[in-house]
Protein backbone atom coordinates (compact mmCIF):
# COMPACT_ATOMS: atom_id res chain seq x y z
CA MET A 1 -0.05 0.07 -0.36
CA LYS A 2 1.24 3.35 -1.18
CA LYS A 3 3.02 5.63 2.05
CA LEU A 4 1.41 9.13 2.37
CA GLU A 5 3.10 12.03 0.78
CA ALA A 6 2.40 15.84 1.63
CA ALA A 7 1.26 16.27 -2.00
CA ASP A 8 -2.11 13.76 -0.48
CA LEU A 9 -2.89 15.54 2.11
CA TYR A 10 -5.18 18.39 2.62
CA SER A 11 -4.41 22.19 3.63
CA LEU A 12 -5.52 23.17 6.72
CA GLU A 13 -8.02 25.49 5.05
CA GLU A 14 -9.49 22.89 2.91
CA TYR A 15 -9.67 20.18 5.49
CA SER A 16 -11.41 22.67 7.90
CA ARG A 17 -14.06 22.83 4.89
CA ARG A 18 -13.75 18.53 4.40
CA ARG A 19 -13.55 17.51 8.08
CA ALA A 20 -16.91 16.74 8.73
CA GLN A 21 -17.78 14.39 5.42
CA MET A 22 -14.00 12.74 5.93
CA ARG A 23 -14.79 12.22 9.80
CA ALA A 24 -17.85 10.67 9.14
CA ASP A 25 -16.29 8.53 5.99
CA VAL A 26 -13.57 7.46 8.33
CA ILE A 27 -15.92 6.42 11.24
CA GLU A 28 -17.83 4.36 9.02
CA HIS A 29 -14.45 2.94 7.32
CA LYS A 30 -12.73 2.27 10.85
CA ARG A 31 -16.08 0.54 12.05
CA ARG A 32 -15.49 -2.50 9.06
CA ARG A 33 -12.05 -2.70 10.25
CA ARG A 34 -12.72 -3.58 13.76
CA LEU A 35 -12.72 -6.79 15.43
CA ALA A 36 -13.49 -7.33 18.74
CA LEU A 37 -11.32 -9.79 20.85
CA GLY A 38 -13.50 -10.86 23.76
CA GLU A 39 -15.07 -8.24 26.02
CA ALA A 40 -12.20 -6.15 26.57
CA VAL A 41 -9.47 -5.98 23.50
CA ASN A 42 -10.27 -4.27 20.23
CA LEU A 43 -8.12 -4.38 17.05
CA TYR A 44 -8.52 -1.71 14.83
CA PHE A 45 -6.72 -2.66 10.89
CA GLU A 46 -5.28 0.68 9.76
CA ASP A 47 -4.76 1.68 6.27
CA ARG A 48 -3.70 4.57 4.14
CA LEU A 49 -6.74 6.30 4.90
CA THR A 50 -7.54 5.63 8.59
CA MET A 51 -3.80 7.21 8.48
CA GLN A 52 -4.64 10.19 6.19
CA TYR A 53 -7.00 11.27 8.72
CA GLN A 54 -4.70 11.08 11.97
CA VAL A 55 -2.17 12.93 9.88
CA GLN A 56 -4.81 15.71 9.43
CA GLU A 57 -6.46 15.80 12.34
CA MET A 58 -2.98 16.05 14.09
CA LEU A 59 -1.71 18.80 11.62
CA ARG A 60 -4.98 20.69 12.66
CA ALA A 61 -4.73 20.17 16.25
CA GLU A 62 -1.28 21.35 16.28
CA ARG A 63 -1.67 24.43 13.69
CA ILE A 64 1.25 22.75 11.43
CA PHE A 65 1.38 23.96 8.16
CA GLU A 66 5.38 24.33 7.55
CA ALA A 67 6.79 21.29 5.53
CA GLU A 68 9.12 20.05 8.14
CA GLY A 69 6.36 19.93 10.95
CA ILE A 70 4.43 17.70 8.04
CA ARG A 71 6.93 15.57 7.40
CA ASP A 72 7.36 14.38 10.93
CA GLU A 73 3.67 13.86 11.21
CA LEU A 74 4.22 11.83 7.67
CA ASP A 75 7.07 9.99 9.53
CA ALA A 76 5.05 9.35 12.29
CA TYR A 77 2.32 7.95 10.76
CA ASN A 78 3.11 6.21 7.59
CA PRO A 79 4.92 3.18 9.62
CA LEU A 80 1.17 2.20 10.72
CA ILE A 81 0.24 1.73 6.60
CA PRO A 82 0.58 -2.12 5.85
CA ASP A 83 3.15 -2.62 2.97
CA GLY A 84 1.22 -5.16 1.20
CA SER A 85 2.78 -8.63 2.87
CA ASN A 86 1.30 -7.38 6.57
CA TRP A 87 -1.63 -5.88 8.58
CA LYS A 88 -0.82 -3.33 10.66
CA ALA A 89 -3.77 -2.56 13.76
CA THR A 90 -4.04 -0.77 17.14
CA MET A 91 -5.01 -2.89 19.65
CA MET A 92 -7.02 -1.10 22.48
CA ILE A 93 -7.67 -2.91 25.63
CA GLU A 94 -10.99 -0.98 26.45
CA VAL A 95 -12.47 -1.17 30.09
CA PRO A 96 -14.77 1.65 31.07
CA ASP A 97 -14.00 1.24 35.03
CA VAL A 98 -10.91 2.86 36.19
CA ASP A 99 -10.50 0.19 38.77
CA GLU A 100 -11.47 -2.64 36.75
CA ARG A 101 -9.02 -1.16 33.83
CA ARG A 102 -6.18 -0.58 36.13
CA ARG A 103 -6.37 -4.50 37.59
CA THR A 104 -7.08 -5.60 34.07
CA LEU A 105 -3.98 -4.05 32.58
CA ARG A 106 -1.79 -5.73 35.23
CA GLN A 107 -3.08 -9.03 34.86
CA LEU A 108 -2.73 -8.62 30.96
CA ILE A 109 1.15 -8.02 30.96
CA GLY A 110 2.60 -9.59 27.63
CA ILE A 111 -0.95 -9.93 26.16
CA GLU A 112 0.54 -7.53 22.98
CA ASP A 113 2.91 -10.81 22.26
CA ARG A 114 0.06 -13.35 22.65
CA VAL A 115 -2.44 -11.77 19.71
CA TYR A 116 -2.17 -13.85 16.27
CA VAL A 117 -4.01 -13.94 13.40
CA GLN A 118 -4.45 -17.50 11.34
CA VAL A 119 -4.92 -18.53 7.83
CA GLY A 120 -6.97 -21.62 7.28
CA GLU A 121 -4.85 -24.70 8.37
CA TYR A 122 -1.08 -22.42 8.40
CA GLU A 123 0.76 -21.88 11.83
CA ARG A 124 -0.46 -18.58 13.62
CA VAL A 125 1.23 -15.43 12.89
CA TYR A 126 1.84 -13.72 16.48
CA ALA A 127 2.10 -10.03 16.38
CA ILE A 128 4.88 -8.26 16.39
CA ALA A 129 4.39 -5.27 19.06
CA ASP A 130 5.40 -2.33 19.65
CA GLU A 131 8.29 -1.63 17.28
CA ASP A 132 8.62 1.89 18.33
CA LEU A 133 8.92 1.51 22.04
CA ASP A 134 7.82 -0.47 24.98
CA ARG A 135 4.59 0.13 26.08
CA SER A 136 4.82 -2.33 28.92
CA THR A 137 6.27 -2.02 32.56
CA GLU A 138 6.51 -5.15 34.92
CA ASP A 139 3.71 -3.43 36.56
CA LYS A 140 1.54 -3.09 34.18
CA THR A 141 0.44 -2.91 30.03
CA SER A 142 -0.26 -0.03 27.94
CA SER A 143 -4.24 0.38 27.06
CA VAL A 144 -2.76 0.87 23.12
CA HIS A 145 -0.71 -1.46 21.52
CA PHE A 146 0.87 -1.34 17.60
CA LEU A 147 0.77 -4.42 16.15
CA ARG A 148 2.29 -5.90 12.96
CA PHE A 149 0.94 -9.43 11.45
CA GLU A 150 3.64 -10.55 8.69
CA LEU A 151 2.19 -12.80 6.39
CA SER A 152 3.94 -15.06 4.29
CA ASP A 153 3.52 -15.69 0.55
CA ALA A 154 1.02 -19.34 0.62
CA MET A 155 -0.97 -17.15 3.62
CA ALA A 156 -1.79 -14.30 1.02
CA ALA A 157 -2.84 -16.78 -1.83
CA GLY A 158 -4.76 -19.06 0.52
CA LEU A 159 -6.53 -16.10 1.51
CA ARG A 160 -6.95 -14.99 -2.22
CA ASN A 161 -8.22 -18.40 -3.09
CA GLY A 162 -10.36 -18.53 -0.01
CA ALA A 163 -8.73 -19.80 3.25
CA SER A 164 -10.91 -19.08 5.91
CA LEU A 165 -9.16 -16.25 8.60
CA ALA A 166 -9.14 -16.53 12.55
CA ALA A 167 -7.83 -14.37 14.87
CA GLY A 168 -7.67 -14.37 19.05
CA VAL A 169 -5.36 -14.07 21.80
CA ASP A 170 -3.81 -16.99 23.78
CA HIS A 171 -2.82 -15.05 27.32
CA ARG A 172 -3.12 -17.00 30.55
CA HIS A 173 -5.50 -14.30 31.85
CA TYR A 174 -7.23 -13.52 27.99
CA ASP A 175 -7.65 -16.27 26.19
CA VAL A 176 -10.29 -15.90 23.00
CA ARG A 177 -10.37 -16.84 19.13
CA VAL A 178 -12.78 -15.36 16.87
CA GLU A 179 -13.38 -17.95 13.66
CA PRO A 180 -14.18 -16.93 11.25
CA VAL A 181 -13.29 -13.70 11.33
CA PRO A 182 -16.41 -11.47 9.81
CA PRO A 183 -16.55 -11.68 6.31
CA VAL A 184 -16.37 -7.33 5.65
CA LEU A 185 -13.31 -7.52 8.03
CA HIS A 186 -11.93 -10.40 5.87
CA ASP A 187 -12.35 -8.52 2.51
CA ALA A 188 -11.11 -5.23 3.66
CA LEU A 189 -7.81 -7.34 5.06
CA LEU A 190 -7.33 -8.92 2.10
CA ASN A 191 -7.53 -5.56 0.00
CA ASP A 192 -4.52 -4.73 2.26
CA LEU A 193 -2.58 -7.60 0.48
CA ASN A 194 -2.58 -6.25 -2.69
């Protein structure tokens, strides 16, 4: 998938005019790219559109319009766009109650390394987590992690030929499997491999 360039972005003025519609479009797009793994864990599979929205929002919030600042934002968010052989996802541990969230984050240390996808009968592909920095401590995990799932050519071909797709977590305190992944997400992820 092609990385974002400065020329792909709207100026602050143009984005201001387009923001409401883009926000609505991206919310719907993200809804189709979300996978609930049990009660507390959600994967939000990223792509070029979700990252363009993130960059546009950062430029707007920070009032960035100079070339160097725009390049910095692109450098920060482009690594979250799939490369054609992988999927990239933001994993969020979402527990509304503050006290329960603290307990959950203490209990789920290391969960980011136990998230997987599985194509048909192939081996599970465990996420490569938080490549930019470690988001866990010995006391707790973070509520947000960035994951990359690297697929082999054979797995990608299998998906193109109708293989099923499952995903899950096999942490000792959180064990869940979704099989099959919903068709709308399956199709979106297959498209990310093109």
